[in-house]
Amino acid sequence: LNDDDWSRTAHALKGAARGIGAFDLGDLAARAEAEPPPTDQARSSTIADLRGALRAVERFVAERKR
């Protein structure tokens, strides 16, 4: 992704996450939106952080469905 695509994607994720109350995920996305990682390695690290936060949201939702 180029920086514009990265920022647009992070912005969309931020809004969606905050809209459902997943504020940790939204905050990570906000940081990614404001400061696109400068290298592929940094982007991979940011994506891993976002995935971790998403997994926490998934676990929360799964627990509430029981």
N, C-alpha and C. Protein backbone atom coordinates (compact mmCIF):
# COMPACT_ATOMS: atom_id res chain seq x y z
N LEU A 1 0.84 -1.19 0.00
CA LEU A 1 0.00 0.00 0.00
C LEU A 1 0.88 1.25 0.00
N ASN A 2 0.45 2.23 -0.74
CA ASN A 2 1.15 3.50 -0.64
C ASN A 2 0.64 4.24 0.61
N ASP A 3 1.27 5.36 0.96
CA ASP A 3 0.90 6.06 2.19
C ASP A 3 -0.56 6.50 2.20
N ASP A 4 -1.08 6.94 1.06
CA ASP A 4 -2.48 7.37 1.01
C ASP A 4 -3.43 6.20 1.26
N ASP A 5 -3.18 5.08 0.62
CA ASP A 5 -4.01 3.89 0.83
C ASP A 5 -3.90 3.41 2.28
N TRP A 6 -2.69 3.43 2.81
CA TRP A 6 -2.47 3.03 4.20
C TRP A 6 -3.31 3.90 5.13
N SER A 7 -3.22 5.22 4.94
CA SER A 7 -3.94 6.15 5.81
C SER A 7 -5.45 5.99 5.68
N ARG A 8 -5.95 5.82 4.47
CA ARG A 8 -7.40 5.62 4.26
C ARG A 8 -7.88 4.34 4.93
N THR A 9 -7.10 3.28 4.79
CA THR A 9 -7.47 2.01 5.40
C THR A 9 -7.45 2.11 6.92
N ALA A 10 -6.41 2.73 7.46
CA ALA A 10 -6.31 2.90 8.91
C ALA A 10 -7.47 3.78 9.41
N HIS A 11 -7.83 4.80 8.65
CA HIS A 11 -8.94 5.68 9.03
C HIS A 11 -10.25 4.89 9.09
N ALA A 12 -10.48 4.07 8.11
CA ALA A 12 -11.72 3.26 8.08
C ALA A 12 -11.75 2.29 9.26
N LEU A 13 -10.62 1.66 9.55
CA LEU A 13 -10.55 0.74 10.68
C LEU A 13 -10.77 1.49 11.99
N LYS A 14 -10.18 2.66 12.11
CA LYS A 14 -10.35 3.47 13.32
C LYS A 14 -11.83 3.76 13.56
N GLY A 15 -12.52 4.20 12.54
CA GLY A 15 -13.94 4.52 12.68
C GLY A 15 -14.79 3.31 13.02
N ALA A 16 -14.53 2.21 12.35
CA ALA A 16 -15.29 1.00 12.60
C ALA A 16 -15.05 0.49 14.02
N ALA A 17 -13.79 0.49 14.44
CA ALA A 17 -13.46 0.00 15.78
C ALA A 17 -14.09 0.87 16.86
N ARG A 18 -13.94 2.16 16.72
CA ARG A 18 -14.50 3.07 17.72
C ARG A 18 -16.02 3.02 17.71
N GLY A 19 -16.60 2.77 16.56
CA GLY A 19 -18.05 2.69 16.45
C GLY A 19 -18.65 1.52 17.22
N ILE A 20 -17.85 0.48 17.44
CA ILE A 20 -18.36 -0.66 18.21
C ILE A 20 -17.77 -0.70 19.62
N GLY A 21 -17.02 0.33 19.97
CA GLY A 21 -16.45 0.40 21.31
C GLY A 21 -15.13 -0.31 21.49
N ALA A 22 -14.48 -0.67 20.40
CA ALA A 22 -13.17 -1.33 20.47
C ALA A 22 -12.08 -0.24 20.45
N PHE A 23 -11.99 0.46 21.57
CA PHE A 23 -11.15 1.66 21.61
C PHE A 23 -9.65 1.37 21.51
N ASP A 24 -9.18 0.25 22.04
CA ASP A 24 -7.76 -0.06 21.91
C ASP A 24 -7.39 -0.25 20.44
N LEU A 25 -8.22 -0.99 19.72
CA LEU A 25 -8.00 -1.18 18.29
C LEU A 25 -8.10 0.15 17.56
N GLY A 26 -9.10 0.94 17.90
CA GLY A 26 -9.26 2.26 17.28
C GLY A 26 -8.08 3.17 17.52
N ASP A 27 -7.53 3.13 18.73
CA ASP A 27 -6.37 3.97 19.04
C ASP A 27 -5.14 3.54 18.24
N LEU A 28 -4.94 2.24 18.11
CA LEU A 28 -3.83 1.76 17.28
C LEU A 28 -4.00 2.19 15.83
N ALA A 29 -5.22 2.08 15.33
CA ALA A 29 -5.49 2.50 13.95
C ALA A 29 -5.29 4.00 13.79
N ALA A 30 -5.66 4.78 14.80
CA ALA A 30 -5.46 6.23 14.74
C ALA A 30 -3.98 6.58 14.64
N ARG A 31 -3.16 5.88 15.40
CA ARG A 31 -1.71 6.11 15.32
C ARG A 31 -1.18 5.73 13.94
N ALA A 32 -1.66 4.61 13.41
CA ALA A 32 -1.23 4.18 12.08
C ALA A 32 -1.67 5.18 11.01
N GLU A 33 -2.84 5.75 11.19
CA GLU A 33 -3.34 6.74 10.24
C GLU A 33 -2.50 8.01 10.29
N ALA A 34 -2.19 8.47 11.49
CA ALA A 34 -1.49 9.74 11.65
C ALA A 34 -0.03 9.67 11.20
N GLU A 35 0.59 8.51 11.42
CA GLU A 35 2.00 8.34 11.09
C GLU A 35 2.20 7.02 10.36
N PRO A 36 1.97 7.01 9.04
CA PRO A 36 2.19 5.76 8.30
C PRO A 36 3.62 5.26 8.53
N PRO A 37 3.77 3.98 8.86
CA PRO A 37 5.12 3.44 9.09
C PRO A 37 6.00 3.65 7.86
N PRO A 38 7.25 4.03 8.11
CA PRO A 38 8.13 4.41 6.99
C PRO A 38 8.72 3.24 6.20
N THR A 39 8.71 2.03 6.77
CA THR A 39 9.33 0.89 6.08
C THR A 39 8.37 -0.29 6.08
N ASP A 40 8.65 -1.25 5.21
CA ASP A 40 7.84 -2.47 5.18
C ASP A 40 7.92 -3.21 6.50
N GLN A 41 9.09 -3.22 7.11
CA GLN A 41 9.25 -3.91 8.40
C GLN A 41 8.41 -3.22 9.47
N ALA A 42 8.40 -1.90 9.50
CA ALA A 42 7.58 -1.17 10.47
C ALA A 42 6.10 -1.39 10.21
N ARG A 43 5.72 -1.46 8.95
CA ARG A 43 4.32 -1.73 8.62
C ARG A 43 3.92 -3.12 9.08
N SER A 44 4.80 -4.08 8.88
CA SER A 44 4.51 -5.45 9.33
C SER A 44 4.31 -5.48 10.84
N SER A 45 5.11 -4.75 11.55
CA SER A 45 4.99 -4.68 13.01
C SER A 45 3.67 -4.03 13.41
N THR A 46 3.30 -2.96 12.74
CA THR A 46 2.04 -2.28 13.03
C THR A 46 0.86 -3.20 12.72
N ILE A 47 0.93 -3.91 11.61
CA ILE A 47 -0.14 -4.85 11.26
C ILE A 47 -0.25 -5.95 12.31
N ALA A 48 0.88 -6.44 12.80
CA ALA A 48 0.85 -7.46 13.85
C ALA A 48 0.18 -6.92 15.11
N ASP A 49 0.46 -5.67 15.47
CA ASP A 49 -0.18 -5.05 16.63
C ASP A 49 -1.69 -4.93 16.41
N LEU A 50 -2.08 -4.51 15.22
CA LEU A 50 -3.50 -4.38 14.90
C LEU A 50 -4.20 -5.74 14.95
N ARG A 51 -3.54 -6.76 14.43
CA ARG A 51 -4.12 -8.11 14.47
C ARG A 51 -4.30 -8.59 15.91
N GLY A 52 -3.33 -8.29 16.76
CA GLY A 52 -3.45 -8.67 18.17
C GLY A 52 -4.63 -7.99 18.83
N ALA A 53 -4.82 -6.71 18.54
CA ALA A 53 -5.96 -5.98 19.11
C ALA A 53 -7.26 -6.52 18.54
N LEU A 54 -7.27 -6.88 17.28
CA LEU A 54 -8.47 -7.45 16.67
C LEU A 54 -8.81 -8.80 17.30
N ARG A 55 -7.80 -9.60 17.57
CA ARG A 55 -8.06 -10.89 18.24
C ARG A 55 -8.68 -10.68 19.61
N ALA A 56 -8.25 -9.65 20.32
CA ALA A 56 -8.84 -9.34 21.63
C ALA A 56 -10.31 -8.98 21.47
N VAL A 57 -10.64 -8.24 20.43
CA VAL A 57 -12.04 -7.90 20.16
C VAL A 57 -12.83 -9.16 19.83
N GLU A 58 -12.26 -10.02 19.02
CA GLU A 58 -12.93 -11.27 18.66
C GLU A 58 -13.20 -12.13 19.89
N ARG A 59 -12.21 -12.22 20.79
CA ARG A 59 -12.41 -13.00 22.02
C ARG A 59 -13.51 -12.39 22.88
N PHE A 60 -13.52 -11.08 22.98
CA PHE A 60 -14.55 -10.39 23.76
C PHE A 60 -15.94 -10.69 23.21
N VAL A 61 -16.09 -10.60 21.91
CA VAL A 61 -17.38 -10.86 21.28
C VAL A 61 -17.77 -12.32 21.47
N ALA A 62 -16.84 -13.23 21.28
CA ALA A 62 -17.14 -14.65 21.46
C ALA A 62 -17.59 -14.97 22.87
N GLU A 63 -16.97 -14.36 23.86
CA GLU A 63 -17.36 -14.59 25.25
C GLU A 63 -18.77 -14.06 25.52
N ARG A 64 -19.15 -13.00 24.88
CA ARG A 64 -20.48 -12.41 25.11
C ARG A 64 -21.58 -13.20 24.42
N LYS A 65 -21.21 -13.98 23.41
CA LYS A 65 -22.19 -14.77 22.67
C LYS A 65 -22.58 -16.04 23.43
N ARG A 66 -21.80 -16.41 24.44
CA ARG A 66 -22.07 -17.63 25.18
C ARG A 66 -23.27 -17.49 26.06
